[in-house]
Amino acid sequence: MLNASNTVSDVIHAHFNGLTRAERQLAESLLENYPVSGLGSITTVAENAGVSTPTVARMVQKLGYKGYPEFQAHLHQELEATISNPIAKHDRWAANAPNRHILNRFAEAVMSNLRDSLGELKTATFDEAARLIGDRDRSLYFVGGRITGALAEYFFTHMQVIRPKTTLMSSNASSWPQHVLNMQKGDVLVIFDIRRYEADLTTLAEVARANGVEIIVFTDQWMSPVAQHAANCFKLHIEAPSAWDSSVVTLFVVEALIEAVQSSSWNETRERMNTLEGLFEQARLFRKPR
């Protein structure tokens, strides 16, 4: 039985090992430009994948859908969800809002997001991202979009204390070429991109990856196109009873990564923190308690 919280991409990945060679070829074609690649007619999808129409029909049933129309309906629902603007999101939630306080409803949504995200997050992905971010031989760059830029700045602010060679890139794409010019093979670029994905971020990821930069992306359950170029992808659930998406789970994973990196190099981190505190004292930035 299909799980309502799973995307079509999730279902394909879950069944991939059980597919025939032709079906795997079809699956790879669908995932290559997901979800747009599955929005054409069954004949078009088959031709684009280089398989027969019956192969498409068999595979969607093997995935648990009653037929191609139901399979495609799920793709349309996902696409609609990814492009929903804040007003449309609010109206959808308001129409179905239960008669309970917003604090309760929001808490339930956040806990559900956290449970679903952790259920899908592989510890190997987390550990590898922590290793790359903590490698002081690599320069580390952070960037986000109009809203997610705040998350990129939060992550950068902490990592700047923990390790050197750390750069926050502006959300203004016109400044990115200068940063890409300085990126070396093996450097790490952390990108935040959630639905209403920003095309400039995908272009940045593509160019950086072509130059040997390791990409880590924080995105949503529908997955930003940036994920195609990422060495590690954090696919996190973001739905909330609000006109805005929730960043709670994203921030949770970011803070866990901060701790993982900090703990792996605590001696160096402590020395940097002591030095920084001395600079704060010299600058009298913070008031001391009397």
Protein backbone atom coordinates (compact mmCIF):
# COMPACT_ATOMS: atom_id res chain seq x y z
CA MET A 1 0.00 0.00 0.00
CA LEU A 2 1.26 3.47 -0.87
CA ASN A 3 2.19 5.81 1.96
CA ALA A 4 0.59 9.23 1.48
CA SER A 5 3.72 10.98 2.82
CA ASN A 6 5.98 9.35 0.24
CA THR A 7 6.70 11.05 -3.07
CA VAL A 8 6.75 9.14 -6.36
CA SER A 9 10.54 9.50 -6.23
CA ASP A 10 10.56 7.79 -2.82
CA VAL A 11 8.47 4.92 -4.21
CA ILE A 12 10.74 4.48 -7.23
CA HIS A 13 13.87 4.38 -5.08
CA ALA A 14 12.26 1.91 -2.66
CA HIS A 15 11.40 -0.51 -5.51
CA PHE A 16 14.47 0.09 -7.68
CA ASN A 17 16.36 -3.10 -6.82
CA GLY A 18 13.32 -5.21 -7.72
CA LEU A 19 12.88 -3.74 -11.20
CA THR A 20 13.86 -5.40 -14.46
CA ARG A 21 16.64 -3.91 -16.59
CA ALA A 22 14.15 -2.09 -18.84
CA GLU A 23 12.20 -0.86 -15.82
CA ARG A 24 15.39 0.45 -14.23
CA GLN A 25 16.15 2.30 -17.46
CA LEU A 26 12.68 3.84 -17.26
CA ALA A 27 13.12 4.69 -13.57
CA GLU A 28 16.42 6.44 -14.25
CA SER A 29 14.80 8.41 -17.06
CA LEU A 30 11.96 9.50 -14.79
CA LEU A 31 14.33 10.56 -12.00
CA GLU A 32 16.66 12.45 -14.34
CA ASN A 33 14.30 15.42 -14.77
CA TYR A 34 11.86 14.65 -11.98
CA PRO A 35 8.91 15.24 -11.83
CA VAL A 36 8.52 16.87 -15.26
CA SER A 37 9.79 13.74 -17.04
CA GLY A 38 6.68 11.84 -15.99
CA LEU A 39 4.08 14.41 -17.01
CA GLY A 40 3.81 13.46 -20.69
CA SER A 41 1.65 10.75 -22.22
CA ILE A 42 2.55 7.14 -21.54
CA THR A 43 3.85 6.88 -25.11
CA THR A 44 6.05 9.96 -24.74
CA VAL A 45 7.47 8.74 -21.41
CA ALA A 46 8.24 5.35 -22.97
CA GLU A 47 9.95 6.91 -26.01
CA ASN A 48 12.04 9.27 -23.88
CA ALA A 49 13.25 6.33 -21.80
CA GLY A 50 13.84 4.08 -24.80
CA VAL A 51 11.45 1.39 -23.54
CA SER A 52 8.09 0.03 -24.64
CA THR A 53 4.70 1.37 -23.53
CA PRO A 54 3.85 -1.96 -21.80
CA THR A 55 7.04 -1.57 -19.75
CA VAL A 56 5.74 1.75 -18.42
CA ALA A 57 2.36 0.21 -17.59
CA ARG A 58 3.95 -2.76 -15.82
CA MET A 59 6.37 -0.67 -13.79
CA VAL A 60 3.80 1.79 -12.41
CA GLN A 61 1.68 -1.15 -11.25
CA LYS A 62 4.74 -2.75 -9.70
CA LEU A 63 5.25 0.51 -7.80
CA GLY A 64 1.77 0.16 -6.32
CA TYR A 65 -0.28 2.45 -8.55
CA LYS A 66 -3.49 1.20 -10.15
CA GLY A 67 -2.35 2.47 -13.53
CA TYR A 68 -0.56 5.25 -15.37
CA PRO A 69 -3.32 7.85 -14.73
CA GLU A 70 -3.00 7.40 -10.95
CA PHE A 71 0.79 7.48 -11.19
CA GLN A 72 0.66 10.74 -13.14
CA ALA A 73 -1.96 12.23 -10.81
CA HIS A 74 0.49 11.84 -7.92
CA LEU A 75 3.16 13.65 -9.95
CA HIS A 76 0.76 16.51 -10.68
CA GLN A 77 -0.06 16.79 -6.97
CA GLU A 78 3.64 16.99 -6.11
CA LEU A 79 4.27 19.59 -8.78
CA GLU A 80 1.36 21.67 -7.51
CA ALA A 81 2.73 21.43 -3.98
CA THR A 82 6.19 22.62 -5.03
CA ILE A 83 4.91 25.76 -6.76
CA SER A 84 2.20 26.70 -4.27
CA ASN A 85 2.58 30.32 -3.25
CA PRO A 86 2.10 31.41 0.41
CA ILE A 87 -1.51 32.54 -0.12
CA ALA A 88 -2.51 29.25 -1.74
CA LYS A 89 -0.82 27.33 1.08
CA HIS A 90 -2.67 29.35 3.71
CA ASP A 91 -6.04 28.82 2.05
CA ARG A 92 -5.44 25.07 1.81
CA TRP A 93 -4.52 24.79 5.48
CA ALA A 94 -7.30 27.12 6.65
CA ALA A 95 -9.94 25.06 4.88
CA ASN A 96 -8.87 21.95 6.78
CA ALA A 97 -7.76 23.45 10.07
CA PRO A 98 -9.07 21.56 13.11
CA ASN A 99 -10.73 23.37 15.99
CA ARG A 100 -7.57 23.46 18.09
CA HIS A 101 -5.08 26.15 19.06
CA ILE A 102 -2.42 26.96 16.47
CA LEU A 103 0.32 26.00 18.93
CA ASN A 104 -1.01 22.44 19.08
CA ARG A 105 -1.50 22.17 15.35
CA PHE A 106 1.93 23.60 14.63
CA ALA A 107 3.61 21.32 17.15
CA GLU A 108 1.93 18.27 15.61
CA ALA A 109 3.08 19.28 12.13
CA VAL A 110 6.65 19.90 13.26
CA MET A 111 6.86 16.60 15.14
CA SER A 112 5.48 14.79 12.12
CA ASN A 113 8.06 16.51 9.90
CA LEU A 114 10.85 15.53 12.27
CA ARG A 115 9.69 11.92 12.52
CA ASP A 116 9.34 11.53 8.74
CA SER A 117 12.65 13.28 8.02
CA LEU A 118 14.65 11.21 10.50
CA GLY A 119 13.00 8.06 9.20
CA GLU A 120 14.37 8.80 5.73
CA LEU A 121 17.73 10.34 6.67
CA LYS A 122 20.65 7.95 6.39
CA THR A 123 23.31 8.29 9.07
CA ALA A 124 25.94 7.69 6.39
CA THR A 125 24.76 10.85 4.59
CA PHE A 126 24.97 12.84 7.81
CA ASP A 127 28.42 11.47 8.73
CA GLU A 128 29.85 12.12 5.28
CA ALA A 129 28.51 15.70 5.27
CA ALA A 130 30.02 16.27 8.72
CA ARG A 131 33.35 14.91 7.48
CA LEU A 132 33.40 17.19 4.44
CA ILE A 133 32.32 20.27 6.40
CA GLY A 134 34.88 19.58 9.12
CA ASP A 135 37.82 19.02 6.75
CA ARG A 136 39.98 22.11 7.33
CA ASP A 137 41.94 21.49 4.13
CA ARG A 138 38.79 22.35 2.18
CA SER A 139 37.36 25.84 1.81
CA LEU A 140 33.73 25.96 2.86
CA TYR A 141 31.03 28.10 1.22
CA PHE A 142 27.40 28.69 2.24
CA VAL A 143 24.55 30.08 0.15
CA GLY A 144 20.76 30.19 0.25
CA GLY A 145 17.86 31.88 -1.46
CA ARG A 146 15.52 34.71 -0.56
CA ILE A 147 14.24 32.96 2.59
CA THR A 148 16.78 30.19 3.12
CA GLY A 149 19.65 32.65 3.04
CA ALA A 150 19.00 33.16 6.76
CA LEU A 151 19.67 29.47 7.38
CA ALA A 152 22.89 29.65 5.36
CA GLU A 153 24.01 32.63 7.44
CA TYR A 154 23.18 30.85 10.70
CA PHE A 155 25.21 27.79 9.69
CA PHE A 156 28.11 29.97 8.48
CA THR A 157 28.20 32.03 11.70
CA HIS A 158 28.82 28.92 13.78
CA MET A 159 31.22 27.24 11.36
CA GLN A 160 33.28 30.42 11.09
CA VAL A 161 34.09 30.04 14.80
CA ILE A 162 34.84 26.32 14.52
CA ARG A 163 37.12 26.36 11.47
CA PRO A 164 38.96 28.69 9.05
CA LYS A 165 38.43 29.11 5.30
CA THR A 166 34.69 29.65 5.63
CA THR A 167 32.71 32.01 3.36
CA LEU A 168 29.09 33.21 3.30
CA MET A 169 27.90 33.97 -0.22
CA SER A 170 25.27 36.65 -0.76
CA SER A 171 21.81 35.64 -1.97
CA ASN A 172 22.48 38.02 -4.87
CA ALA A 173 23.51 35.78 -7.78
CA SER A 174 25.50 38.56 -9.46
CA SER A 175 28.23 38.17 -6.83
CA TRP A 176 28.63 34.39 -7.23
CA PRO A 177 31.11 34.27 -10.16
CA GLN A 178 33.82 35.86 -7.96
CA HIS A 179 33.32 33.13 -5.36
CA VAL A 180 33.31 30.36 -7.97
CA LEU A 181 36.58 31.80 -9.28
CA ASN A 182 38.17 31.12 -5.88
CA MET A 183 36.73 27.62 -5.43
CA GLN A 184 39.21 24.78 -5.76
CA LYS A 185 38.60 21.11 -6.53
CA GLY A 186 37.47 19.40 -3.32
CA ASP A 187 36.07 22.54 -1.69
CA VAL A 188 32.57 22.29 -0.21
CA LEU A 189 29.51 24.34 -1.17
CA VAL A 190 26.48 24.09 1.14
CA ILE A 191 23.25 25.16 -0.59
CA PHE A 192 19.79 25.70 0.92
CA ASP A 193 16.91 25.48 -1.58
CA ILE A 194 13.29 24.64 -0.79
CA ARG A 195 10.18 24.69 -2.94
CA ARG A 196 9.71 27.52 -5.37
CA TYR A 197 13.25 26.52 -6.18
CA GLU A 198 15.58 29.24 -7.38
CA ALA A 199 16.99 28.52 -10.83
CA ASP A 200 20.18 30.47 -10.11
CA LEU A 201 21.07 28.06 -7.30
CA THR A 202 20.81 25.10 -9.68
CA THR A 203 23.08 26.83 -12.18
CA LEU A 204 25.56 27.62 -9.40
CA ALA A 205 25.57 23.98 -8.26
CA GLU A 206 26.06 22.73 -11.82
CA VAL A 207 29.01 25.04 -12.49
CA ALA A 208 30.64 24.40 -9.11
CA ARG A 209 30.23 20.63 -9.45
CA ALA A 210 31.80 20.72 -12.92
CA ASN A 211 34.85 22.34 -11.28
CA GLY A 212 35.16 19.53 -8.74
CA VAL A 213 33.42 21.22 -5.81
CA GLU A 214 31.52 18.96 -3.39
CA ILE A 215 27.87 20.04 -3.09
CA ILE A 216 25.75 19.54 0.03
CA VAL A 217 22.11 20.57 -0.35
CA PHE A 218 19.36 21.11 2.20
CA THR A 219 16.00 20.80 0.47
CA ASP A 220 12.44 19.53 0.96
CA GLN A 221 10.68 16.22 0.40
CA TRP A 222 10.13 17.04 -3.28
CA MET A 223 13.83 17.76 -3.82
CA SER A 224 15.35 20.80 -5.46
CA PRO A 225 16.99 20.31 -8.88
CA VAL A 226 20.23 21.14 -7.03
CA ALA A 227 20.10 17.57 -5.68
CA GLN A 228 21.18 16.28 -9.11
CA HIS A 229 24.59 17.82 -8.51
CA ALA A 230 24.93 17.11 -4.78
CA ALA A 231 27.28 14.63 -3.13
CA ASN A 232 24.99 14.67 -0.09
CA CYS A 233 21.31 15.63 -0.03
CA PHE A 234 19.27 16.35 3.09
CA LYS A 235 15.67 15.82 2.00
CA LEU A 236 13.63 17.22 4.88
CA HIS A 237 9.91 17.65 5.47
CA ILE A 238 8.76 21.27 5.69
CA GLU A 239 4.92 21.33 5.69
CA ALA A 240 3.25 23.44 8.39
CA PRO A 241 -0.24 24.89 9.04
CA SER A 242 0.92 28.27 7.78
CA ALA A 243 1.38 30.32 4.64
CA TRP A 244 5.10 29.64 5.12
CA ASP A 245 7.10 26.45 5.13
CA SER A 246 8.67 25.29 8.37
CA SER A 247 12.44 25.48 8.84
CA VAL A 248 12.44 23.67 12.20
CA VAL A 249 13.69 20.30 10.93
CA THR A 250 16.27 21.95 8.67
CA LEU A 251 17.60 23.92 11.62
CA PHE A 252 17.60 20.75 13.74
CA VAL A 253 19.86 18.96 11.24
CA VAL A 254 22.08 22.04 10.86
CA GLU A 255 22.61 22.25 14.62
CA ALA A 256 23.33 18.52 14.82
CA LEU A 257 25.97 18.95 12.10
CA ILE A 258 27.49 21.90 13.97
CA GLU A 259 27.89 19.74 17.05
CA ALA A 260 29.27 16.79 15.07
CA VAL A 261 31.93 18.96 13.41
CA GLN A 262 32.73 20.78 16.65
CA SER A 263 33.18 17.55 18.59
CA SER A 264 35.38 15.96 15.95
CA SER A 265 37.95 18.74 16.29
CA TRP A 266 37.31 20.05 19.79
CA ASN A 267 40.91 20.97 20.65
CA GLU A 268 41.22 23.23 17.61
CA THR A 269 37.71 24.58 18.11
CA ARG A 270 38.33 25.38 21.78
CA GLU A 271 41.52 27.25 20.89
CA ARG A 272 39.67 29.32 18.27
CA MET A 273 36.85 30.03 20.75
CA ASN A 274 39.32 31.22 23.40
CA THR A 275 41.00 33.50 20.89
CA LEU A 276 37.65 34.86 19.74
CA GLU A 277 36.52 35.54 23.31
CA GLY A 278 39.72 37.52 23.84
CA LEU A 279 38.97 39.60 20.76
CA PHE A 280 35.42 40.21 21.98
CA GLU A 281 36.83 41.40 25.31
CA GLN A 282 39.28 43.74 23.61
CA ALA A 283 36.51 45.18 21.49
CA ARG A 284 34.20 45.34 24.53
CA LEU A 285 31.50 43.87 22.37
CA PHE A 286 29.63 42.19 25.21
CA ARG A 287 28.91 43.55 28.68
CA LYS A 288 30.33 41.50 31.52
CA PRO A 289 28.02 40.61 34.41
CA ARG A 290 28.67 42.68 37.54
